[in-house]
Amino acid sequence: MSTMTVRMNEQDAELVRKFAQFEGVTVSDFARTAILEKIEDSYDLQELREAIAQDSGERFSIDEILSELAS
């Protein structure tokens, strides 16, 4: 397992410590989760942009979808 160091001013560090404590997790767990969620959000945004760029505009009603699934 790797170790990473994050530098921040004392005010920000205290906020992170308090928030992690409030959430009932360690600062390390909080930071790991926040970093990975940020990466996932960025990936999801890129996927959305690609889907929008490829959108043909064709739409289906819920009834059409349910009918297709039932057959």
N, C-alpha and C. Protein backbone atom coordinates (compact mmCIF):
# COMPACT_ATOMS: atom_id res chain seq x y z
N MET A 1 0.85 -1.18 0.00
CA MET A 1 0.00 0.00 0.00
C MET A 1 0.90 1.24 0.00
N SER A 2 0.53 2.23 -0.75
CA SER A 2 1.30 3.47 -0.87
C SER A 2 0.82 4.50 0.15
N THR A 3 1.70 5.41 0.45
CA THR A 3 1.37 6.53 1.32
C THR A 3 1.49 7.80 0.50
N MET A 4 0.51 8.70 0.66
CA MET A 4 0.53 9.98 -0.03
C MET A 4 0.43 11.08 1.02
N THR A 5 1.01 12.21 0.73
CA THR A 5 0.94 13.36 1.62
C THR A 5 0.17 14.47 0.94
N VAL A 6 -0.74 15.07 1.69
CA VAL A 6 -1.52 16.20 1.17
C VAL A 6 -1.18 17.41 2.03
N ARG A 7 -0.79 18.47 1.40
CA ARG A 7 -0.46 19.69 2.14
C ARG A 7 -1.63 20.66 2.06
N MET A 8 -2.00 21.20 3.22
CA MET A 8 -3.06 22.20 3.27
C MET A 8 -2.84 23.06 4.50
N ASN A 9 -3.48 24.22 4.49
CA ASN A 9 -3.31 25.09 5.65
C ASN A 9 -4.04 24.49 6.85
N GLU A 10 -3.71 24.97 8.02
CA GLU A 10 -4.24 24.40 9.26
C GLU A 10 -5.76 24.50 9.35
N GLN A 11 -6.32 25.57 8.84
CA GLN A 11 -7.77 25.74 8.88
C GLN A 11 -8.47 24.67 8.05
N ASP A 12 -7.96 24.42 6.86
CA ASP A 12 -8.53 23.37 6.01
C ASP A 12 -8.33 21.99 6.63
N ALA A 13 -7.15 21.76 7.19
CA ALA A 13 -6.85 20.48 7.82
C ALA A 13 -7.80 20.21 8.98
N GLU A 14 -8.07 21.21 9.76
CA GLU A 14 -8.99 21.06 10.90
C GLU A 14 -10.40 20.75 10.40
N LEU A 15 -10.81 21.41 9.34
CA LEU A 15 -12.12 21.13 8.75
C LEU A 15 -12.21 19.67 8.30
N VAL A 16 -11.17 19.18 7.63
CA VAL A 16 -11.14 17.80 7.18
C VAL A 16 -11.20 16.85 8.38
N ARG A 17 -10.41 17.12 9.41
CA ARG A 17 -10.42 16.26 10.60
C ARG A 17 -11.79 16.22 11.25
N LYS A 18 -12.43 17.38 11.38
CA LYS A 18 -13.75 17.44 12.01
C LYS A 18 -14.80 16.73 11.16
N PHE A 19 -14.74 16.91 9.86
CA PHE A 19 -15.71 16.27 9.00
C PHE A 19 -15.55 14.75 9.03
N ALA A 20 -14.32 14.28 8.96
CA ALA A 20 -14.07 12.84 9.02
C ALA A 20 -14.57 12.27 10.35
N GLN A 21 -14.32 12.98 11.43
CA GLN A 21 -14.79 12.53 12.74
C GLN A 21 -16.32 12.49 12.77
N PHE A 22 -16.95 13.51 12.22
CA PHE A 22 -18.41 13.57 12.15
C PHE A 22 -18.96 12.37 11.38
N GLU A 23 -18.29 12.01 10.29
CA GLU A 23 -18.71 10.88 9.46
C GLU A 23 -18.34 9.53 10.07
N GLY A 24 -17.51 9.56 11.12
CA GLY A 24 -17.11 8.32 11.78
C GLY A 24 -16.07 7.52 11.03
N VAL A 25 -15.22 8.22 10.27
CA VAL A 25 -14.16 7.56 9.51
C VAL A 25 -12.84 8.23 9.82
N THR A 26 -11.77 7.56 9.45
CA THR A 26 -10.46 8.17 9.61
C THR A 26 -10.26 9.22 8.51
N VAL A 27 -9.32 10.11 8.74
CA VAL A 27 -8.99 11.10 7.72
C VAL A 27 -8.51 10.39 6.46
N SER A 28 -7.75 9.33 6.62
CA SER A 28 -7.26 8.57 5.48
C SER A 28 -8.41 7.97 4.68
N ASP A 29 -9.36 7.35 5.36
CA ASP A 29 -10.52 6.78 4.66
C ASP A 29 -11.34 7.86 3.98
N PHE A 30 -11.53 8.97 4.66
CA PHE A 30 -12.29 10.08 4.07
C PHE A 30 -11.60 10.60 2.81
N ALA A 31 -10.28 10.83 2.89
CA ALA A 31 -9.53 11.35 1.74
C ALA A 31 -9.56 10.36 0.59
N ARG A 32 -9.35 9.08 0.87
CA ARG A 32 -9.36 8.06 -0.17
C ARG A 32 -10.70 8.05 -0.89
N THR A 33 -11.78 8.03 -0.12
CA THR A 33 -13.11 8.01 -0.71
C THR A 33 -13.38 9.26 -1.54
N ALA A 34 -13.02 10.42 -1.01
CA ALA A 34 -13.25 11.68 -1.73
C ALA A 34 -12.47 11.73 -3.03
N ILE A 35 -11.24 11.28 -3.01
CA ILE A 35 -10.41 11.30 -4.21
C ILE A 35 -10.98 10.35 -5.27
N LEU A 36 -11.33 9.14 -4.86
CA LEU A 36 -11.86 8.17 -5.82
C LEU A 36 -13.22 8.60 -6.36
N GLU A 37 -14.05 9.22 -5.52
CA GLU A 37 -15.34 9.73 -6.00
C GLU A 37 -15.14 10.85 -7.02
N LYS A 38 -14.15 11.70 -6.81
CA LYS A 38 -13.85 12.77 -7.75
C LYS A 38 -13.44 12.20 -9.10
N ILE A 39 -12.61 11.17 -9.08
CA ILE A 39 -12.18 10.52 -10.32
C ILE A 39 -13.38 9.89 -11.02
N GLU A 40 -14.23 9.20 -10.25
CA GLU A 40 -15.41 8.58 -10.83
C GLU A 40 -16.36 9.62 -11.43
N ASP A 41 -16.55 10.73 -10.72
CA ASP A 41 -17.41 11.81 -11.24
C ASP A 41 -16.88 12.34 -12.56
N SER A 42 -15.58 12.52 -12.65
CA SER A 42 -14.96 13.01 -13.87
C SER A 42 -15.17 12.02 -15.01
N TYR A 43 -15.00 10.75 -14.73
CA TYR A 43 -15.21 9.70 -15.73
C TYR A 43 -16.67 9.71 -16.18
N ASP A 44 -17.60 9.78 -15.21
CA ASP A 44 -19.03 9.80 -15.54
C ASP A 44 -19.39 11.00 -16.40
N LEU A 45 -18.81 12.15 -16.11
CA LEU A 45 -19.07 13.35 -16.90
C LEU A 45 -18.59 13.17 -18.34
N GLN A 46 -17.44 12.57 -18.51
CA GLN A 46 -16.92 12.32 -19.85
C GLN A 46 -17.84 11.35 -20.60
N GLU A 47 -18.31 10.31 -19.91
CA GLU A 47 -19.23 9.36 -20.52
C GLU A 47 -20.53 10.06 -20.94
N LEU A 48 -21.03 10.96 -20.10
CA LEU A 48 -22.25 11.70 -20.43
C LEU A 48 -22.03 12.58 -21.65
N ARG A 49 -20.91 13.26 -21.70
CA ARG A 49 -20.63 14.12 -22.86
C ARG A 49 -20.58 13.30 -24.15
N GLU A 50 -19.97 12.13 -24.08
CA GLU A 50 -19.90 11.27 -25.26
C GLU A 50 -21.29 10.77 -25.65
N ALA A 51 -22.11 10.42 -24.69
CA ALA A 51 -23.47 9.95 -24.97
C ALA A 51 -24.31 11.06 -25.60
N ILE A 52 -24.16 12.27 -25.10
CA ILE A 52 -24.90 13.41 -25.66
C ILE A 52 -24.46 13.66 -27.10
N ALA A 53 -23.16 13.56 -27.35
CA ALA A 53 -22.63 13.79 -28.69
C ALA A 53 -23.14 12.74 -29.68
N GLN A 54 -23.42 11.54 -29.21
CA GLN A 54 -23.87 10.46 -30.08
C GLN A 54 -25.39 10.31 -30.09
N ASP A 55 -26.11 11.14 -29.35
CA ASP A 55 -27.56 11.04 -29.23
C ASP A 55 -28.24 11.33 -30.57
N SER A 56 -29.07 10.39 -31.01
CA SER A 56 -29.78 10.56 -32.28
C SER A 56 -31.09 11.32 -32.09
N GLY A 57 -31.51 11.52 -30.86
CA GLY A 57 -32.77 12.20 -30.60
C GLY A 57 -33.96 11.26 -30.53
N GLU A 58 -33.75 10.00 -30.85
CA GLU A 58 -34.85 9.02 -30.81
C GLU A 58 -35.22 8.74 -29.36
N ARG A 59 -36.52 8.76 -29.08
CA ARG A 59 -37.01 8.52 -27.72
C ARG A 59 -38.11 7.47 -27.76
N PHE A 60 -38.29 6.78 -26.64
CA PHE A 60 -39.31 5.75 -26.51
C PHE A 60 -40.12 6.01 -25.26
N SER A 61 -41.43 5.74 -25.34
CA SER A 61 -42.27 5.89 -24.15
C SER A 61 -42.08 4.68 -23.25
N ILE A 62 -42.47 4.81 -22.00
CA ILE A 62 -42.37 3.69 -21.07
C ILE A 62 -43.22 2.52 -21.55
N ASP A 63 -44.36 2.81 -22.15
CA ASP A 63 -45.21 1.74 -22.66
C ASP A 63 -44.52 0.97 -23.79
N GLU A 64 -43.81 1.67 -24.66
CA GLU A 64 -43.08 1.01 -25.73
C GLU A 64 -41.97 0.11 -25.17
N ILE A 65 -41.30 0.59 -24.17
CA ILE A 65 -40.22 -0.19 -23.55
C ILE A 65 -40.78 -1.42 -22.87
N LEU A 66 -41.85 -1.26 -22.11
CA LEU A 66 -42.44 -2.40 -21.40
C LEU A 66 -42.99 -3.42 -22.38
N SER A 67 -43.58 -2.95 -23.47
CA SER A 67 -44.09 -3.84 -24.49
C SER A 67 -42.96 -4.64 -25.13
N GLU A 68 -41.86 -3.98 -25.40
CA GLU A 68 -40.70 -4.66 -26.00
C GLU A 68 -40.12 -5.69 -25.04
N LEU A 69 -40.07 -5.37 -23.76
CA LEU A 69 -39.54 -6.30 -22.76
C LEU A 69 -40.45 -7.51 -22.58
N ALA A 70 -41.75 -7.32 -22.73
CA ALA A 70 -42.71 -8.41 -22.52
C ALA A 70 -42.71 -9.39 -23.69
N SER A 71 -42.25 -8.95 -24.84
CA SER A 71 -42.30 -9.85 -26.01
C SER A 71 -41.09 -10.71 -26.14
